[in-house]
C-alpha atoms as a PDB file:
ATOM      1  CA  UNK A   1     137.133  97.376  82.138  1.00  0.00           C
ATOM      2  CA  UNK A   2     140.223  95.199  82.010  1.00  0.00           C
ATOM      3  CA  UNK A   3     143.510  96.388  80.514  1.00  0.00           C
ATOM      4  CA  UNK A   4     145.857  93.775  79.054  1.00  0.00           C
ATOM      5  CA  UNK A   5     149.285  94.948  77.939  1.00  0.00           C
ATOM      6  CA  UNK A   6     150.888  93.181  74.978  1.00  0.00           C
ATOM      7  CA  UNK A   7     154.252  94.098  73.412  1.00  0.00           C
ATOM      8  CA  UNK A   8     154.052  97.768  74.359  1.00  0.00           C
ATOM      9  CA  UNK A   9     150.441  98.176  73.259  1.00  0.00           C
ATOM     10  CA  UNK A  10     147.327  97.181  75.127  1.00  0.00           C
ATOM     11  CA  UNK A  11     143.765  95.933  74.829  1.00  0.00           C
ATOM     12  CA  UNK A  12     140.773  97.134  76.812  1.00  0.00           C
ATOM     13  CA  UNK A  13     138.121  94.494  77.441  1.00  0.00           C
ATOM     14  CA  UNK A  14     134.810  96.181  78.270  1.00  0.00           C
ATOM     15  CA  UNK A  15     132.186  93.439  78.059  1.00  0.00           C
ATOM     16  CA  UNK A  16     131.551  93.371  81.802  1.00  0.00           C
ATOM     17  CA  UNK A  17     130.869  97.119  81.820  1.00  0.00           C
ATOM     18  CA  UNK A  18     128.352  96.716  78.994  1.00  0.00           C
ATOM     19  CA  UNK A  19     126.598  93.849  80.768  1.00  0.00           C
ATOM     20  CA  UNK A  20     126.337  95.852  83.989  1.00  0.00           C
ATOM     21  CA  UNK A  21     125.080  98.926  82.121  1.00  0.00           C
ATOM     22  CA  UNK A  22     122.350  96.911  80.415  1.00  0.00           C
ATOM     23  CA  UNK A  23     121.592  94.788  83.517  1.00  0.00           C
ATOM     24  CA  UNK A  24     122.296  91.557  81.620  1.00  0.00           C
ATOM     25  CA  UNK A  25     123.797  88.587  83.435  1.00  0.00           C
ATOM     26  CA  UNK A  26     126.613  86.461  82.039  1.00  0.00           C
ATOM     27  CA  UNK A  27     124.224  83.498  82.185  1.00  0.00           C
ATOM     28  CA  UNK A  28     121.636  85.285  80.068  1.00  0.00           C
ATOM     29  CA  UNK A  29     124.301  86.343  77.558  1.00  0.00           C
ATOM     30  CA  UNK A  30     125.506  82.751  77.406  1.00  0.00           C
ATOM     31  CA  UNK A  31     122.006  81.417  76.716  1.00  0.00           C
ATOM     32  CA  UNK A  32     120.888  84.127  74.289  1.00  0.00           C
ATOM     33  CA  UNK A  33     124.069  83.942  72.189  1.00  0.00           C
ATOM     34  CA  UNK A  34     124.653  80.192  72.463  1.00  0.00           C
ATOM     35  CA  UNK A  35     128.166  80.892  73.752  1.00  0.00           C
ATOM     36  CA  UNK A  36     130.093  78.795  76.254  1.00  0.00           C
ATOM     37  CA  UNK A  37     130.346  80.441  79.680  1.00  0.00           C
ATOM     38  CA  UNK A  38     134.144  80.031  79.691  1.00  0.00           C
ATOM     39  CA  UNK A  39     134.410  81.983  76.432  1.00  0.00           C
ATOM     40  CA  UNK A  40     132.356  84.847  77.853  1.00  0.00           C
ATOM     41  CA  UNK A  41     134.455  84.823  81.013  1.00  0.00           C
ATOM     42  CA  UNK A  42     137.674  84.987  78.963  1.00  0.00           C
ATOM     43  CA  UNK A  43     136.386  87.971  76.986  1.00  0.00           C
ATOM     44  CA  UNK A  44     135.515  89.705  80.256  1.00  0.00           C
ATOM     45  CA  UNK A  45     138.888  89.009  81.885  1.00  0.00           C
ATOM     46  CA  UNK A  46     141.034  89.415  78.759  1.00  0.00           C
ATOM     47  CA  UNK A  47     142.480  85.928  79.214  1.00  0.00           C
ATOM     48  CA  UNK A  48     142.242  85.060  75.519  1.00  0.00           C
ATOM     49  CA  UNK A  49     144.623  83.253  73.216  1.00  0.00           C
ATOM     50  CA  UNK A  50     142.387  83.719  70.187  1.00  0.00           C
ATOM     51  CA  UNK A  51     138.989  85.204  69.461  1.00  0.00           C
ATOM     52  CA  UNK A  52     136.254  83.701  67.308  1.00  0.00           C
ATOM     53  CA  UNK A  53     134.798  86.526  65.220  1.00  0.00           C
ATOM     54  CA  UNK A  54     131.493  84.646  64.847  1.00  0.00           C
ATOM     55  CA  UNK A  55     131.096  84.490  68.629  1.00  0.00           C
ATOM     56  CA  UNK A  56     131.927  88.174  68.891  1.00  0.00           C
ATOM     57  CA  UNK A  57     129.358  88.964  66.169  1.00  0.00           C
ATOM     58  CA  UNK A  58     126.642  87.029  68.051  1.00  0.00           C
ATOM     59  CA  UNK A  59     127.458  88.950  71.244  1.00  0.00           C
ATOM     60  CA  UNK A  60     127.419  92.279  69.403  1.00  0.00           C
ATOM     61  CA  UNK A  61     124.092  91.458  67.727  1.00  0.00           C
ATOM     62  CA  UNK A  62     122.497  90.552  71.054  1.00  0.00           C
ATOM     63  CA  UNK A  63     123.889  93.595  72.876  1.00  0.00           C
ATOM     64  CA  UNK A  64     123.269  95.922  69.897  1.00  0.00           C
ATOM     65  CA  UNK A  65     126.835  97.197  69.949  1.00  0.00           C
ATOM     66  CA  UNK A  66     130.021  97.264  67.868  1.00  0.00           C
ATOM     67  CA  UNK A  67     133.136  95.158  68.367  1.00  0.00           C
ATOM     68  CA  UNK A  68     135.004  98.308  69.440  1.00  0.00           C
ATOM     69  CA  UNK A  69     132.468  98.725  72.259  1.00  0.00           C
ATOM     70  CA  UNK A  70     133.627  95.362  73.645  1.00  0.00           C
ATOM     71  CA  UNK A  71     137.346  95.316  72.807  1.00  0.00           C
ATOM     72  CA  UNK A  72     139.676  98.191  71.959  1.00  0.00           C
ATOM     73  CA  UNK A  73     143.301  97.892  70.876  1.00  0.00           C
ATOM     74  CA  UNK A  74     145.903 100.590  71.325  1.00  0.00           C
ATOM     75  CA  UNK A  75     149.148  99.797  69.490  1.00  0.00           C
ATOM     76  CA  UNK A  76     152.575 100.546  70.859  1.00  0.00           C
ATOM     77  CA  UNK A  77     154.006 103.837  69.735  1.00  0.00           C
ATOM     78  CA  UNK A  78     156.584 103.251  66.996  1.00  0.00           C
ATOM     79  CA  UNK A  79     159.143 105.376  68.820  1.00  0.00           C
ATOM     80  CA  UNK A  80     158.781 103.267  71.990  1.00  0.00           C
ATOM     81  CA  UNK A  81     159.151 100.007  70.039  1.00  0.00           C
ATOM     82  CA  UNK A  82     162.340 101.312  68.427  1.00  0.00           C
ATOM     83  CA  UNK A  83     163.819 102.102  71.861  1.00  0.00           C
ATOM     84  CA  UNK A  84     163.196  98.538  73.028  1.00  0.00           C
ATOM     85  CA  UNK A  85     165.069  96.979  70.082  1.00  0.00           C
END
């Protein structure tokens, strides 16, 4: 699991954990979902600038999971954001 903090909130990227749990390689995921290896690697590491929902849907269909199983978002607490301003 990779945690990426953004503006007080954070994302958890869990694709690598799912792949390990199901004994599926990144190469197999790439081939079965017709997804570029670099895209899969960015989802694993959280080094994304944008996310293609169609790609995410293909990955979820193949892994039989939900988007929230792969990526979770936890927003900043409103009170903490107000303190920063």
